[in-house]
Amino acid sequence: MSSDSLTLDAVEEGKVARVLGFEGRGGWVYRMYQMGLVPGALVEVLVNNGRGPVIVRVMGVEVAVGRGLARRVRIELAGEGAGWR
């Protein structure tokens, strides 16, 4: 992973990020794939108020990711103009 990568729970609302990968293994990784959070996917953080789930838009669908899992999703911030807009 890149040294300037973050975790999903650290991204501010309104920012777009690219999924790099996951910390750890297990069935939860498969669940992230089912929700569209796959390496290379762009996600827009809609709600991240420091408590509760992080709500993101990925592939046009809004998804709530528990904060504990969001801490295990490695991302990098996407540049200006990135995404589907």
C-alpha atoms as a PDB file:
ATOM      1  CA  MET A   1       0.000   0.000   0.000  1.00  0.00           C
ATOM      2  CA  SER A   2       1.079   3.537  -0.637  1.00  0.00           C
ATOM      3  CA  SER A   3       2.557   5.486   2.259  1.00  0.00           C
ATOM      4  CA  ASP A   4       0.078   8.314   1.670  1.00  0.00           C
ATOM      5  CA  SER A   5      -2.959   6.043   1.864  1.00  0.00           C
ATOM      6  CA  LEU A   6      -5.692   6.586   4.441  1.00  0.00           C
ATOM      7  CA  THR A   7      -8.505   4.528   5.837  1.00  0.00           C
ATOM      8  CA  LEU A   8     -12.085   5.119   4.781  1.00  0.00           C
ATOM      9  CA  ASP A   9     -13.140   6.353   8.234  1.00  0.00           C
ATOM     10  CA  ALA A  10     -10.658   9.270   7.947  1.00  0.00           C
ATOM     11  CA  VAL A  11     -12.100  10.786   4.753  1.00  0.00           C
ATOM     12  CA  GLU A  12     -14.101  14.002   5.035  1.00  0.00           C
ATOM     13  CA  GLU A  13     -17.650  14.280   3.748  1.00  0.00           C
ATOM     14  CA  GLY A  14     -17.874  15.272   0.100  1.00  0.00           C
ATOM     15  CA  LYS A  15     -14.458  13.849  -0.849  1.00  0.00           C
ATOM     16  CA  VAL A  16     -13.922  11.227  -3.545  1.00  0.00           C
ATOM     17  CA  ALA A  17     -11.444   8.419  -2.934  1.00  0.00           C
ATOM     18  CA  ARG A  18     -10.182   5.281  -4.660  1.00  0.00           C
ATOM     19  CA  VAL A  19     -10.165   1.947  -2.840  1.00  0.00           C
ATOM     20  CA  LEU A  20      -6.651   0.472  -2.636  1.00  0.00           C
ATOM     21  CA  GLY A  21      -7.334  -2.672  -0.634  1.00  0.00           C
ATOM     22  CA  PHE A  22      -8.136  -4.082   2.768  1.00  0.00           C
ATOM     23  CA  GLU A  23      -6.304  -4.694   6.031  1.00  0.00           C
ATOM     24  CA  GLY A  24      -6.828  -8.257   7.146  1.00  0.00           C
ATOM     25  CA  ARG A  25      -8.795 -11.144   5.758  1.00  0.00           C
ATOM     26  CA  GLY A  26     -12.066 -12.865   6.357  1.00  0.00           C
ATOM     27  CA  GLY A  27     -15.679 -12.969   5.271  1.00  0.00           C
ATOM     28  CA  TRP A  28     -16.037  -9.216   5.711  1.00  0.00           C
ATOM     29  CA  VAL A  29     -13.754  -8.668   2.693  1.00  0.00           C
ATOM     30  CA  TYR A  30     -16.141 -10.710   0.549  1.00  0.00           C
ATOM     31  CA  ARG A  31     -19.012  -8.553   1.871  1.00  0.00           C
ATOM     32  CA  MET A  32     -17.128  -5.382   0.851  1.00  0.00           C
ATOM     33  CA  TYR A  33     -16.773  -6.840  -2.656  1.00  0.00           C
ATOM     34  CA  GLN A  34     -20.519  -7.575  -2.736  1.00  0.00           C
ATOM     35  CA  MET A  35     -21.242  -3.921  -1.890  1.00  0.00           C
ATOM     36  CA  GLY A  36     -18.988  -2.700  -4.708  1.00  0.00           C
ATOM     37  CA  LEU A  37     -16.015  -1.710  -2.553  1.00  0.00           C
ATOM     38  CA  VAL A  38     -13.365  -3.364  -4.701  1.00  0.00           C
ATOM     39  CA  PRO A  39      -9.801  -2.220  -5.345  1.00  0.00           C
ATOM     40  CA  GLY A  40      -9.868   0.586  -7.897  1.00  0.00           C
ATOM     41  CA  ALA A  41     -13.480   1.610  -7.190  1.00  0.00           C
ATOM     42  CA  LEU A  42     -14.219   5.298  -6.664  1.00  0.00           C
ATOM     43  CA  VAL A  43     -16.258   6.143  -3.588  1.00  0.00           C
ATOM     44  CA  GLU A  44     -17.781   9.468  -2.551  1.00  0.00           C
ATOM     45  CA  VAL A  45     -18.122   9.945   1.204  1.00  0.00           C
ATOM     46  CA  LEU A  46     -21.617  11.258   1.910  1.00  0.00           C
ATOM     47  CA  VAL A  47     -21.770  11.027   5.718  1.00  0.00           C
ATOM     48  CA  ASN A  48     -18.839  10.764   8.113  1.00  0.00           C
ATOM     49  CA  ASN A  49     -19.535  12.590  11.326  1.00  0.00           C
ATOM     50  CA  GLY A  50     -17.067  10.668  13.501  1.00  0.00           C
ATOM     51  CA  ARG A  51     -19.692   8.366  14.986  1.00  0.00           C
ATOM     52  CA  GLY A  52     -21.753   5.584  13.525  1.00  0.00           C
ATOM     53  CA  PRO A  53     -21.416   4.207  10.012  1.00  0.00           C
ATOM     54  CA  VAL A  54     -19.644   5.904   7.127  1.00  0.00           C
ATOM     55  CA  ILE A  55     -22.100   6.319   4.274  1.00  0.00           C
ATOM     56  CA  VAL A  56     -20.574   6.283   0.803  1.00  0.00           C
ATOM     57  CA  ARG A  57     -21.747   6.262  -2.789  1.00  0.00           C
ATOM     58  CA  VAL A  58     -20.082   3.571  -4.863  1.00  0.00           C
ATOM     59  CA  MET A  59     -21.137   2.687  -8.419  1.00  0.00           C
ATOM     60  CA  GLY A  60     -24.160   4.957  -7.989  1.00  0.00           C
ATOM     61  CA  VAL A  61     -25.464   3.183  -4.877  1.00  0.00           C
ATOM     62  CA  GLU A  62     -25.391   4.511  -1.307  1.00  0.00           C
ATOM     63  CA  VAL A  63     -23.834   2.035   1.128  1.00  0.00           C
ATOM     64  CA  ALA A  64     -23.381   2.227   4.911  1.00  0.00           C
ATOM     65  CA  VAL A  65     -20.091   0.783   6.167  1.00  0.00           C
ATOM     66  CA  GLY A  66     -19.649   0.232   9.887  1.00  0.00           C
ATOM     67  CA  ARG A  67     -16.917   2.383  11.387  1.00  0.00           C
ATOM     68  CA  GLY A  68     -14.868  -0.640  12.482  1.00  0.00           C
ATOM     69  CA  LEU A  69     -14.814  -2.003   8.938  1.00  0.00           C
ATOM     70  CA  ALA A  70     -14.209   1.451   7.473  1.00  0.00           C
ATOM     71  CA  ARG A  71     -10.987   1.566   9.507  1.00  0.00           C
ATOM     72  CA  ARG A  72      -9.785  -1.488   7.584  1.00  0.00           C
ATOM     73  CA  VAL A  73     -10.476  -0.170   4.062  1.00  0.00           C
ATOM     74  CA  ARG A  74      -7.342   1.487   2.623  1.00  0.00           C
ATOM     75  CA  ILE A  75      -7.998   4.347   0.212  1.00  0.00           C
ATOM     76  CA  GLU A  76      -6.273   7.249  -1.485  1.00  0.00           C
ATOM     77  CA  LEU A  77      -7.921  10.566  -2.190  1.00  0.00           C
ATOM     78  CA  ALA A  78      -8.817  11.011  -5.850  1.00  0.00           C
ATOM     79  CA  GLY A  79      -7.776  14.154  -7.672  1.00  0.00           C
ATOM     80  CA  GLU A  80     -10.091  16.954  -8.709  1.00  0.00           C
ATOM     81  CA  GLY A  81     -12.554  15.938 -11.393  1.00  0.00           C
ATOM     82  CA  ALA A  82     -12.238  12.237 -10.570  1.00  0.00           C
ATOM     83  CA  GLY A  83     -15.289  10.074 -10.506  1.00  0.00           C
ATOM     84  CA  TRP A  84     -18.524   9.743 -12.343  1.00  0.00           C
ATOM     85  CA  ARG A  85     -19.691  13.368 -12.375  1.00  0.00           C
END
